[in-house]
Amino acid sequence: MTFINLLNIMKEFIKVVVTSLPNDVVNALRSVCESEEGITKHVCNYMLKNVYLASRTQKPLCQDTGTLMFFIKAGSKAPYLNVLKKVIVKAVKELTKEGLLRPNSIDPFTNVNTGDNTGKYIPWIEWDIADDSDITEVTLYVAGGGSSLPARALVVRPTDGLNELVKLVFDIVPTYGINACPPLIIGIGIGATLEIAATLSKRALLKPVGARNPNPKVAKLETLLLSKLNGIGIGPQGLFGKTFVLDVHIEYSYRHPATYAIALSLSCWALRRGILTLYPEGRAYVSSHGVWLEGT
């Protein structure tokens, strides 16, 4: 595959993620629409209409096209490792220039917008060299500003860990989540340090709606938090309703004996994430959306 082919595939992939929701999220929203009543049912149906029109017209699902975060899992024999970062950065710049992406990269000290969605560490790219495979998997998450605003992270004493986690969720989500375009997806990270927990909370948002943690104790907590949050009586767009949260996902690492770090990340109903698999012979498949990409 040439550099241009790979660039075109990356641009197509970003466009898919920005203009259409993954299949699991669409199915979850349809279920919400079936269960809601009155004004919240009406609102939810408009969400689905927005999804349909964005995909059909190839326009962004939301005017805030967010901060682009790439999580790359590559085999050590994958052929694209030496150019993938350059391809991602160039694709982001070109799509911003073409008008698909709103310029969202601002220097925190000068408040100057770069105008092309790039800058120091932006777009964010994380690497995981997995094994001796020749396959590369690129997961893209679009972090919108409104749903990122309520995010929190802190380190507490180990004896207070789980209690502080639950307290954090119920202090933040009902208070600030109503302004983050519910129904929400909640990502929770638990780890040894602040940055580990924060990273894991973001990775938790990448899991499919309905998936449970393989650890039964963690899965039980996910289910309990989901039930309690949806029992508050808040529905789509913060109105009275049945479904405030589409799902709760928890990711964790082992911790230090003296620390218990917890972090909370939120996504709005438009959970824009996608998974692109790059094969060495040039094929490219977006498994989250069920789409093959040509790159021509």
C-alpha atoms as a PDB file:
ATOM      1  CA  MET A   1       0.000   0.000   0.000  1.00  0.00           C
ATOM      2  CA  THR A   2       1.370   3.431  -0.925  1.00  0.00           C
ATOM      3  CA  PHE A   3       1.481   6.439   1.384  1.00  0.00           C
ATOM      4  CA  ILE A   4      -1.332   8.060  -0.621  1.00  0.00           C
ATOM      5  CA  ASN A   5      -3.514   4.956  -0.372  1.00  0.00           C
ATOM      6  CA  LEU A   6      -2.986   4.796   3.380  1.00  0.00           C
ATOM      7  CA  LEU A   7      -3.676   8.532   3.704  1.00  0.00           C
ATOM      8  CA  ASN A   8      -6.944   8.190   1.788  1.00  0.00           C
ATOM      9  CA  ILE A   9      -7.983   5.235   3.948  1.00  0.00           C
ATOM     10  CA  MET A  10      -7.249   7.214   7.124  1.00  0.00           C
ATOM     11  CA  LYS A  11      -9.270  10.161   5.836  1.00  0.00           C
ATOM     12  CA  GLU A  12     -12.163   7.861   4.950  1.00  0.00           C
ATOM     13  CA  PHE A  13     -11.956   6.261   8.393  1.00  0.00           C
ATOM     14  CA  ILE A  14     -12.028   9.603  10.221  1.00  0.00           C
ATOM     15  CA  LYS A  15     -14.955  10.688   8.066  1.00  0.00           C
ATOM     16  CA  VAL A  16     -16.882   7.517   8.940  1.00  0.00           C
ATOM     17  CA  VAL A  17     -16.348   8.114  12.668  1.00  0.00           C
ATOM     18  CA  VAL A  18     -17.259  11.805  12.541  1.00  0.00           C
ATOM     19  CA  THR A  19     -20.376  11.361  10.390  1.00  0.00           C
ATOM     20  CA  SER A  20     -21.865   8.076  11.658  1.00  0.00           C
ATOM     21  CA  LEU A  21     -22.238   6.188  14.920  1.00  0.00           C
ATOM     22  CA  PRO A  22     -20.973   2.653  15.530  1.00  0.00           C
ATOM     23  CA  ASN A  23     -23.605  -0.036  15.200  1.00  0.00           C
ATOM     24  CA  ASP A  24     -23.799  -0.844  18.925  1.00  0.00           C
ATOM     25  CA  VAL A  25     -24.545   2.781  19.838  1.00  0.00           C
ATOM     26  CA  VAL A  26     -27.240   3.126  17.170  1.00  0.00           C
ATOM     27  CA  ASN A  27     -28.929  -0.055  18.407  1.00  0.00           C
ATOM     28  CA  ALA A  28     -28.788   1.200  22.003  1.00  0.00           C
ATOM     29  CA  LEU A  29     -30.393   4.512  20.993  1.00  0.00           C
ATOM     30  CA  ARG A  30     -33.172   2.674  19.183  1.00  0.00           C
ATOM     31  CA  SER A  31     -33.904   0.717  22.347  1.00  0.00           C
ATOM     32  CA  VAL A  32     -34.036   3.964  24.312  1.00  0.00           C
ATOM     33  CA  CYS A  33     -36.512   5.443  21.840  1.00  0.00           C
ATOM     34  CA  GLU A  34     -38.747   2.404  22.235  1.00  0.00           C
ATOM     35  CA  SER A  35     -38.784   2.700  26.016  1.00  0.00           C
ATOM     36  CA  GLU A  36     -39.143   6.474  26.418  1.00  0.00           C
ATOM     37  CA  GLU A  37     -42.475   8.283  26.412  1.00  0.00           C
ATOM     38  CA  GLY A  38     -43.739  11.768  25.609  1.00  0.00           C
ATOM     39  CA  ILE A  39     -41.210  14.536  25.067  1.00  0.00           C
ATOM     40  CA  THR A  40     -38.150  12.344  25.697  1.00  0.00           C
ATOM     41  CA  LYS A  41     -39.331   9.876  23.055  1.00  0.00           C
ATOM     42  CA  HIS A  42     -39.745  12.793  20.671  1.00  0.00           C
ATOM     43  CA  VAL A  43     -36.223  14.046  21.503  1.00  0.00           C
ATOM     44  CA  CYS A  44     -34.735  10.590  21.093  1.00  0.00           C
ATOM     45  CA  ASN A  45     -36.357  10.165  17.680  1.00  0.00           C
ATOM     46  CA  TYR A  46     -34.705  13.421  16.613  1.00  0.00           C
ATOM     47  CA  MET A  47     -31.360  11.996  17.723  1.00  0.00           C
ATOM     48  CA  LEU A  48     -31.901   9.051  15.397  1.00  0.00           C
ATOM     49  CA  LYS A  49     -32.956  11.433  12.632  1.00  0.00           C
ATOM     50  CA  ASN A  50     -29.731  13.354  13.187  1.00  0.00           C
ATOM     51  CA  VAL A  51     -27.767  10.097  12.879  1.00  0.00           C
ATOM     52  CA  TYR A  52     -29.551   9.251   9.626  1.00  0.00           C
ATOM     53  CA  LEU A  53     -29.074  12.689   8.044  1.00  0.00           C
ATOM     54  CA  ALA A  54     -25.411  12.968   9.072  1.00  0.00           C
ATOM     55  CA  SER A  55     -24.601   9.607   7.538  1.00  0.00           C
ATOM     56  CA  ARG A  56     -26.622  10.253   4.395  1.00  0.00           C
ATOM     57  CA  THR A  57     -25.170  13.729   3.744  1.00  0.00           C
ATOM     58  CA  GLN A  58     -21.672  12.909   5.051  1.00  0.00           C
ATOM     59  CA  LYS A  59     -21.839  15.830   7.481  1.00  0.00           C
ATOM     60  CA  PRO A  60     -20.575  15.762  11.088  1.00  0.00           C
ATOM     61  CA  LEU A  61     -22.961  14.351  13.703  1.00  0.00           C
ATOM     62  CA  CYS A  62     -22.161  17.368  15.878  1.00  0.00           C
ATOM     63  CA  GLN A  63     -20.683  20.767  15.120  1.00  0.00           C
ATOM     64  CA  ASP A  64     -18.053  20.032  17.775  1.00  0.00           C
ATOM     65  CA  THR A  65     -15.821  17.521  16.030  1.00  0.00           C
ATOM     66  CA  GLY A  66     -13.806  17.298  19.227  1.00  0.00           C
ATOM     67  CA  THR A  67     -10.249  16.287  19.954  1.00  0.00           C
ATOM     68  CA  LEU A  68      -9.180  13.258  17.941  1.00  0.00           C
ATOM     69  CA  MET A  69      -7.633  10.503  20.060  1.00  0.00           C
ATOM     70  CA  PHE A  70      -6.027   7.516  18.326  1.00  0.00           C
ATOM     71  CA  PHE A  71      -5.283   4.245  20.123  1.00  0.00           C
ATOM     72  CA  ILE A  72      -3.061   2.051  17.955  1.00  0.00           C
ATOM     73  CA  LYS A  73      -2.511  -1.651  18.540  1.00  0.00           C
ATOM     74  CA  ALA A  74       0.030  -2.977  16.072  1.00  0.00           C
ATOM     75  CA  GLY A  75       1.843  -6.230  15.568  1.00  0.00           C
ATOM     76  CA  SER A  76       5.619  -5.978  15.493  1.00  0.00           C
ATOM     77  CA  LYS A  77       5.560  -7.152  11.855  1.00  0.00           C
ATOM     78  CA  ALA A  78       2.960  -4.620  10.740  1.00  0.00           C
ATOM     79  CA  PRO A  79       4.135  -2.755   7.613  1.00  0.00           C
ATOM     80  CA  TYR A  80       2.787   0.715   8.426  1.00  0.00           C
ATOM     81  CA  LEU A  81       4.503   1.574  11.708  1.00  0.00           C
ATOM     82  CA  ASN A  82       7.073   3.931  10.172  1.00  0.00           C
ATOM     83  CA  VAL A  83       4.495   6.147   8.444  1.00  0.00           C
ATOM     84  CA  LEU A  84       1.311   5.813  10.478  1.00  0.00           C
ATOM     85  CA  LYS A  85       1.825   8.888  12.655  1.00  0.00           C
ATOM     86  CA  LYS A  86       2.617  11.039   9.607  1.00  0.00           C
ATOM     87  CA  VAL A  87      -0.474   9.672   7.860  1.00  0.00           C
ATOM     88  CA  ILE A  88      -2.721  10.465  10.833  1.00  0.00           C
ATOM     89  CA  VAL A  89      -1.440  14.018  11.240  1.00  0.00           C
ATOM     90  CA  LYS A  90      -1.697  14.751   7.516  1.00  0.00           C
ATOM     91  CA  ALA A  91      -5.197  13.271   7.336  1.00  0.00           C
ATOM     92  CA  VAL A  92      -6.350  15.463  10.229  1.00  0.00           C
ATOM     93  CA  LYS A  93      -4.848  18.576   8.651  1.00  0.00           C
ATOM     94  CA  GLU A  94      -6.417  17.905   5.259  1.00  0.00           C
ATOM     95  CA  LEU A  95      -9.870  17.105   6.667  1.00  0.00           C
ATOM     96  CA  THR A  96      -9.768  20.323   8.686  1.00  0.00           C
ATOM     97  CA  LYS A  97      -8.842  22.302   5.590  1.00  0.00           C
ATOM     98  CA  GLU A  98     -11.635  20.565   3.669  1.00  0.00           C
ATOM     99  CA  GLY A  99     -14.155  21.610   6.325  1.00  0.00           C
ATOM    100  CA  LEU A 100     -15.090  18.250   7.836  1.00  0.00           C
ATOM    101  CA  LEU A 101     -13.321  18.961  11.152  1.00  0.00           C
ATOM    102  CA  ARG A 102     -13.791  22.140  13.156  1.00  0.00           C
ATOM    103  CA  PRO A 103     -10.448  23.622  14.302  1.00  0.00           C
ATOM    104  CA  ASN A 104     -10.264  22.654  17.989  1.00  0.00           C
ATOM    105  CA  SER A 105      -6.547  22.796  18.853  1.00  0.00           C
ATOM    106  CA  ILE A 106      -5.603  25.763  21.038  1.00  0.00           C
ATOM    107  CA  ASP A 107      -2.332  26.646  22.768  1.00  0.00           C
ATOM    108  CA  PRO A 108      -3.205  26.770  26.513  1.00  0.00           C
ATOM    109  CA  PHE A 109      -0.793  29.672  27.148  1.00  0.00           C
ATOM    110  CA  THR A 110      -1.432  31.946  24.171  1.00  0.00           C
ATOM    111  CA  ASN A 111      -5.010  30.847  23.384  1.00  0.00           C
ATOM    112  CA  VAL A 112      -4.055  30.779  19.707  1.00  0.00           C
ATOM    113  CA  ASN A 113      -5.917  28.215  17.598  1.00  0.00           C
ATOM    114  CA  THR A 114      -3.587  26.393  15.198  1.00  0.00           C
ATOM    115  CA  GLY A 115      -6.433  26.180  12.701  1.00  0.00           C
ATOM    116  CA  ASP A 116      -5.707  22.608  11.613  1.00  0.00           C
ATOM    117  CA  ASN A 117      -6.443  20.438  14.688  1.00  0.00           C
ATOM    118  CA  THR A 118      -2.765  19.719  15.280  1.00  0.00           C
ATOM    119  CA  GLY A 119      -0.305  20.959  17.888  1.00  0.00           C
ATOM    120  CA  LYS A 120       1.773  19.672  20.775  1.00  0.00           C
ATOM    121  CA  TYR A 121       0.634  16.053  21.350  1.00  0.00           C
ATOM    122  CA  ILE A 122      -2.498  16.697  19.260  1.00  0.00           C
ATOM    123  CA  PRO A 123      -3.955  14.644  17.684  1.00  0.00           C
ATOM    124  CA  TRP A 124      -3.357  12.346  20.644  1.00  0.00           C
ATOM    125  CA  ILE A 125      -1.782   9.024  19.635  1.00  0.00           C
ATOM    126  CA  GLU A 126      -1.177   6.056  21.947  1.00  0.00           C
ATOM    127  CA  TRP A 127       0.782   2.992  20.845  1.00  0.00           C
ATOM    128  CA  ASP A 128       0.562  -0.631  21.881  1.00  0.00           C
ATOM    129  CA  ILE A 129       2.939  -3.040  20.120  1.00  0.00           C
ATOM    130  CA  ALA A 130       1.089  -6.251  20.774  1.00  0.00           C
ATOM    131  CA  ASP A 131       2.828  -9.314  19.277  1.00  0.00           C
ATOM    132  CA  ASP A 132       4.492 -10.598  16.130  1.00  0.00           C
ATOM    133  CA  SER A 133       1.344 -10.095  14.053  1.00  0.00           C
ATOM    134  CA  ASP A 134       1.322  -8.084  10.810  1.00  0.00           C
ATOM    135  CA  ILE A 135      -2.091  -6.507  11.495  1.00  0.00           C
ATOM    136  CA  THR A 136      -2.627  -2.955  12.737  1.00  0.00           C
ATOM    137  CA  GLU A 137      -5.751  -1.892  14.633  1.00  0.00           C
ATOM    138  CA  VAL A 138      -6.501   1.831  14.925  1.00  0.00           C
ATOM    139  CA  THR A 139      -9.217   2.930  17.327  1.00  0.00           C
ATOM    140  CA  LEU A 140     -10.367   6.532  17.035  1.00  0.00           C
ATOM    141  CA  TYR A 141     -12.320   8.333  19.732  1.00  0.00           C
ATOM    142  CA  VAL A 142     -13.666  11.843  19.162  1.00  0.00           C
ATOM    143  CA  ALA A 143     -13.636  13.638  22.529  1.00  0.00           C
ATOM    144  CA  GLY A 144     -16.203  16.422  22.431  1.00  0.00           C
ATOM    145  CA  GLY A 145     -15.670  19.455  24.652  1.00  0.00           C
ATOM    146  CA  GLY A 146     -19.080  19.427  26.319  1.00  0.00           C
ATOM    147  CA  SER A 147     -18.877  15.825  27.421  1.00  0.00           C
ATOM    148  CA  SER A 148     -15.203  16.126  28.396  1.00  0.00           C
ATOM    149  CA  LEU A 149     -15.869  19.093  30.685  1.00  0.00           C
ATOM    150  CA  PRO A 150     -17.290  17.058  33.622  1.00  0.00           C
ATOM    151  CA  ALA A 151     -14.313  14.646  33.639  1.00  0.00           C
ATOM    152  CA  ARG A 152     -12.596  14.200  37.010  1.00  0.00           C
ATOM    153  CA  ALA A 153      -9.637  12.296  38.452  1.00  0.00           C
ATOM    154  CA  LEU A 154      -8.260  12.002  41.980  1.00  0.00           C
ATOM    155  CA  VAL A 155      -6.155   9.821  44.221  1.00  0.00           C
ATOM    156  CA  VAL A 156      -7.600   8.670  47.530  1.00  0.00           C
ATOM    157  CA  ARG A 157      -6.603   6.427  50.411  1.00  0.00           C
ATOM    158  CA  PRO A 158      -6.993   2.716  49.631  1.00  0.00           C
ATOM    159  CA  THR A 159      -9.397   2.245  52.539  1.00  0.00           C
ATOM    160  CA  ASP A 160     -11.760   4.756  50.915  1.00  0.00           C
ATOM    161  CA  GLY A 161     -11.323   3.570  47.309  1.00  0.00           C
ATOM    162  CA  LEU A 162     -14.642   2.090  46.243  1.00  0.00           C
ATOM    163  CA  ASN A 163     -16.666   4.456  48.411  1.00  0.00           C
ATOM    164  CA  GLU A 164     -14.908   7.441  46.863  1.00  0.00           C
ATOM    165  CA  LEU A 165     -15.450   6.021  43.397  1.00  0.00           C
ATOM    166  CA  VAL A 166     -19.208   5.742  43.922  1.00  0.00           C
ATOM    167  CA  LYS A 167     -19.283   9.191  45.523  1.00  0.00           C
ATOM    168  CA  LEU A 168     -17.419  10.688  42.560  1.00  0.00           C
ATOM    169  CA  VAL A 169     -19.861   9.160  40.080  1.00  0.00           C
ATOM    170  CA  PHE A 170     -22.948  10.420  41.895  1.00  0.00           C
ATOM    171  CA  ASP A 171     -21.475  13.839  42.688  1.00  0.00           C
ATOM    172  CA  ILE A 172     -20.503  14.520  39.071  1.00  0.00           C
ATOM    173  CA  VAL A 173     -22.813  12.652  36.672  1.00  0.00           C
ATOM    174  CA  PRO A 174     -26.247  13.858  37.891  1.00  0.00           C
ATOM    175  CA  THR A 175     -24.966  17.395  38.532  1.00  0.00           C
ATOM    176  CA  TYR A 176     -22.947  18.055  35.384  1.00  0.00           C
ATOM    177  CA  GLY A 177     -24.002  15.223  33.086  1.00  0.00           C
ATOM    178  CA  ILE A 178     -27.317  16.852  32.223  1.00  0.00           C
ATOM    179  CA  ASN A 179     -25.372  19.465  30.239  1.00  0.00           C
ATOM    180  CA  ALA A 180     -23.345  16.825  28.365  1.00  0.00           C
ATOM    181  CA  CYS A 181     -26.198  15.687  26.061  1.00  0.00           C
ATOM    182  CA  PRO A 182     -27.632  12.524  27.690  1.00  0.00           C
ATOM    183  CA  PRO A 183     -28.070   9.623  27.395  1.00  0.00           C
ATOM    184  CA  LEU A 184     -24.436   9.338  28.407  1.00  0.00           C
ATOM    185  CA  ILE A 185     -21.790   6.649  28.336  1.00  0.00           C
ATOM    186  CA  ILE A 186     -19.683   6.566  31.487  1.00  0.00           C
ATOM    187  CA  GLY A 187     -16.045   5.460  31.539  1.00  0.00           C
ATOM    188  CA  ILE A 188     -14.388   4.766  34.894  1.00  0.00           C
ATOM    189  CA  GLY A 189     -10.695   4.092  35.420  1.00  0.00           C
ATOM    190  CA  ILE A 190      -9.028   2.668  38.531  1.00  0.00           C
ATOM    191  CA  GLY A 191      -5.263   2.523  38.810  1.00  0.00           C
ATOM    192  CA  ALA A 192      -2.026   3.103  40.655  1.00  0.00           C
ATOM    193  CA  THR A 193      -1.538   6.747  39.613  1.00  0.00           C
ATOM    194  CA  LEU A 194      -3.674   9.617  38.421  1.00  0.00           C
ATOM    195  CA  GLU A 195      -2.601   9.368  34.770  1.00  0.00           C
ATOM    196  CA  ILE A 196      -3.141   5.605  34.645  1.00  0.00           C
ATOM    197  CA  ALA A 197      -6.671   5.945  35.981  1.00  0.00           C
ATOM    198  CA  ALA A 198      -7.447   8.814  33.593  1.00  0.00           C
ATOM    199  CA  THR A 199      -6.180   6.887  30.571  1.00  0.00           C
ATOM    200  CA  LEU A 200      -8.149   3.799  31.558  1.00  0.00           C
ATOM    201  CA  SER A 201     -11.336   5.835  32.004  1.00  0.00           C
ATOM    202  CA  LYS A 202     -10.997   7.009  28.408  1.00  0.00           C
ATOM    203  CA  ARG A 203     -10.244   3.498  27.180  1.00  0.00           C
ATOM    204  CA  ALA A 204     -13.384   2.341  28.984  1.00  0.00           C
ATOM    205  CA  LEU A 205     -15.443   4.484  26.599  1.00  0.00           C
ATOM    206  CA  LEU A 206     -14.094   2.418  23.693  1.00  0.00           C
ATOM    207  CA  LYS A 207     -15.872  -0.753  24.831  1.00  0.00           C
ATOM    208  CA  PRO A 208     -19.105  -1.795  23.081  1.00  0.00           C
ATOM    209  CA  VAL A 209     -22.391  -0.797  24.677  1.00  0.00           C
ATOM    210  CA  GLY A 210     -23.659  -3.799  26.608  1.00  0.00           C
ATOM    211  CA  ALA A 211     -20.231  -5.372  27.130  1.00  0.00           C
ATOM    212  CA  ARG A 212     -19.327  -6.283  30.699  1.00  0.00           C
ATOM    213  CA  ASN A 213     -15.940  -6.496  32.347  1.00  0.00           C
ATOM    214  CA  PRO A 214     -14.664 -10.098  32.460  1.00  0.00           C
ATOM    215  CA  ASN A 215     -14.044  -9.718  36.187  1.00  0.00           C
ATOM    216  CA  PRO A 216     -17.423 -10.624  37.753  1.00  0.00           C
ATOM    217  CA  LYS A 217     -16.971  -8.201  40.671  1.00  0.00           C
ATOM    218  CA  VAL A 218     -16.285  -5.333  38.287  1.00  0.00           C
ATOM    219  CA  ALA A 219     -19.160  -6.371  36.031  1.00  0.00           C
ATOM    220  CA  LYS A 220     -21.492  -6.341  39.028  1.00  0.00           C
ATOM    221  CA  LEU A 221     -20.408  -2.800  39.903  1.00  0.00           C
ATOM    222  CA  GLU A 222     -20.911  -1.664  36.296  1.00  0.00           C
ATOM    223  CA  THR A 223     -24.440  -3.069  36.311  1.00  0.00           C
ATOM    224  CA  LEU A 224     -25.249  -1.565  39.704  1.00  0.00           C
ATOM    225  CA  LEU A 225     -24.042   1.919  38.766  1.00  0.00           C
ATOM    226  CA  LEU A 226     -25.968   1.752  35.475  1.00  0.00           C
ATOM    227  CA  SER A 227     -29.164   0.799  37.285  1.00  0.00           C
ATOM    228  CA  LYS A 228     -28.817   3.468  39.975  1.00  0.00           C
ATOM    229  CA  LEU A 229     -27.997   6.246  37.508  1.00  0.00           C
ATOM    230  CA  ASN A 230     -30.994   5.352  35.372  1.00  0.00           C
ATOM    231  CA  GLY A 231     -33.156   5.289  38.471  1.00  0.00           C
ATOM    232  CA  ILE A 232     -32.634   9.009  39.056  1.00  0.00           C
ATOM    233  CA  GLY A 233     -35.389   9.941  36.598  1.00  0.00           C
ATOM    234  CA  ILE A 234     -33.315  11.900  34.095  1.00  0.00           C
ATOM    235  CA  GLY A 235     -33.749  11.065  30.415  1.00  0.00           C
ATOM    236  CA  PRO A 236     -32.475  12.174  27.007  1.00  0.00           C
ATOM    237  CA  GLN A 237     -31.168  15.753  26.892  1.00  0.00           C
ATOM    238  CA  GLY A 238     -31.578  16.100  30.666  1.00  0.00           C
ATOM    239  CA  LEU A 239     -35.373  16.006  30.641  1.00  0.00           C
ATOM    240  CA  PHE A 240     -37.444  13.770  32.913  1.00  0.00           C
ATOM    241  CA  GLY A 241     -37.191  10.275  31.511  1.00  0.00           C
ATOM    242  CA  LYS A 242     -36.043   6.695  31.923  1.00  0.00           C
ATOM    243  CA  THR A 243     -32.608   6.514  30.326  1.00  0.00           C
ATOM    244  CA  PHE A 244     -29.941   8.878  31.607  1.00  0.00           C
ATOM    245  CA  VAL A 245     -27.038   6.542  30.842  1.00  0.00           C
ATOM    246  CA  LEU A 246     -26.587   4.068  27.971  1.00  0.00           C
ATOM    247  CA  ASP A 247     -23.841   2.154  29.752  1.00  0.00           C
ATOM    248  CA  VAL A 248     -21.121   2.191  32.401  1.00  0.00           C
ATOM    249  CA  HIS A 249     -17.711   0.660  31.695  1.00  0.00           C
ATOM    250  CA  ILE A 250     -14.859   0.179  34.142  1.00  0.00           C
ATOM    251  CA  GLU A 251     -11.222  -0.486  33.290  1.00  0.00           C
ATOM    252  CA  TYR A 252      -8.605  -1.034  35.967  1.00  0.00           C
ATOM    253  CA  SER A 253      -4.959  -1.737  36.620  1.00  0.00           C
ATOM    254  CA  TYR A 254      -3.372  -3.040  39.777  1.00  0.00           C
ATOM    255  CA  ARG A 255      -2.556  -0.255  42.228  1.00  0.00           C
ATOM    256  CA  HIS A 256       0.192   0.795  44.605  1.00  0.00           C
ATOM    257  CA  PRO A 257      -0.296  -0.265  48.270  1.00  0.00           C
ATOM    258  CA  ALA A 258      -0.596   3.368  49.369  1.00  0.00           C
ATOM    259  CA  THR A 259      -2.783   4.779  46.587  1.00  0.00           C
ATOM    260  CA  TYR A 260      -6.135   4.266  44.919  1.00  0.00           C
ATOM    261  CA  ALA A 261      -6.503   6.465  41.830  1.00  0.00           C
ATOM    262  CA  ILE A 262      -9.918   6.889  40.214  1.00  0.00           C
ATOM    263  CA  ALA A 263     -11.022   8.786  37.141  1.00  0.00           C
ATOM    264  CA  LEU A 264     -14.288   9.536  35.395  1.00  0.00           C
ATOM    265  CA  SER A 265     -14.820  10.242  31.666  1.00  0.00           C
ATOM    266  CA  LEU A 266     -18.136  10.927  29.969  1.00  0.00           C
ATOM    267  CA  SER A 267     -19.373  10.758  26.406  1.00  0.00           C
ATOM    268  CA  CYS A 268     -22.568  12.273  25.077  1.00  0.00           C
ATOM    269  CA  TRP A 269     -25.120  10.136  23.227  1.00  0.00           C
ATOM    270  CA  ALA A 270     -23.106  10.670  20.031  1.00  0.00           C
ATOM    271  CA  LEU A 271     -20.295   8.315  21.045  1.00  0.00           C
ATOM    272  CA  ARG A 272     -18.069   8.789  18.016  1.00  0.00           C
ATOM    273  CA  ARG A 273     -15.581   5.943  18.025  1.00  0.00           C
ATOM    274  CA  GLY A 274     -14.432   3.526  15.377  1.00  0.00           C
ATOM    275  CA  ILE A 275     -12.082   0.585  14.939  1.00  0.00           C
ATOM    276  CA  LEU A 276     -10.044   0.329  11.748  1.00  0.00           C
ATOM    277  CA  THR A 277      -8.157  -2.868  10.934  1.00  0.00           C
ATOM    278  CA  LEU A 278      -5.317  -2.505   8.444  1.00  0.00           C
ATOM    279  CA  TYR A 279      -4.161  -5.693   6.739  1.00  0.00           C
ATOM    280  CA  PRO A 280      -0.673  -5.946   5.190  1.00  0.00           C
ATOM    281  CA  GLU A 281      -2.007  -6.657   1.704  1.00  0.00           C
ATOM    282  CA  GLY A 282      -3.854  -3.330   1.719  1.00  0.00           C
ATOM    283  CA  ARG A 283      -7.364  -4.222   2.865  1.00  0.00           C
ATOM    284  CA  ALA A 284      -8.988  -1.930   5.451  1.00  0.00           C
ATOM    285  CA  TYR A 285     -12.099  -2.718   7.487  1.00  0.00           C
ATOM    286  CA  VAL A 286     -14.005  -0.563   9.981  1.00  0.00           C
ATOM    287  CA  SER A 287     -15.431  -3.296  12.208  1.00  0.00           C
ATOM    288  CA  SER A 288     -17.345  -0.879  14.458  1.00  0.00           C
ATOM    289  CA  HIS A 289     -19.449   0.241  11.489  1.00  0.00           C
ATOM    290  CA  GLY A 290     -19.207  -2.798   9.202  1.00  0.00           C
ATOM    291  CA  VAL A 291     -17.557  -0.853   6.376  1.00  0.00           C
ATOM    292  CA  TRP A 292     -14.707  -1.778   4.009  1.00  0.00           C
ATOM    293  CA  LEU A 293     -12.576   1.144   2.824  1.00  0.00           C
ATOM    294  CA  GLU A 294     -11.015   1.451  -0.620  1.00  0.00           C
ATOM    295  CA  GLY A 295      -8.351   4.123  -0.183  1.00  0.00           C
ATOM    296  CA  THR A 296      -8.448   5.187  -3.817  1.00  0.00           C
END
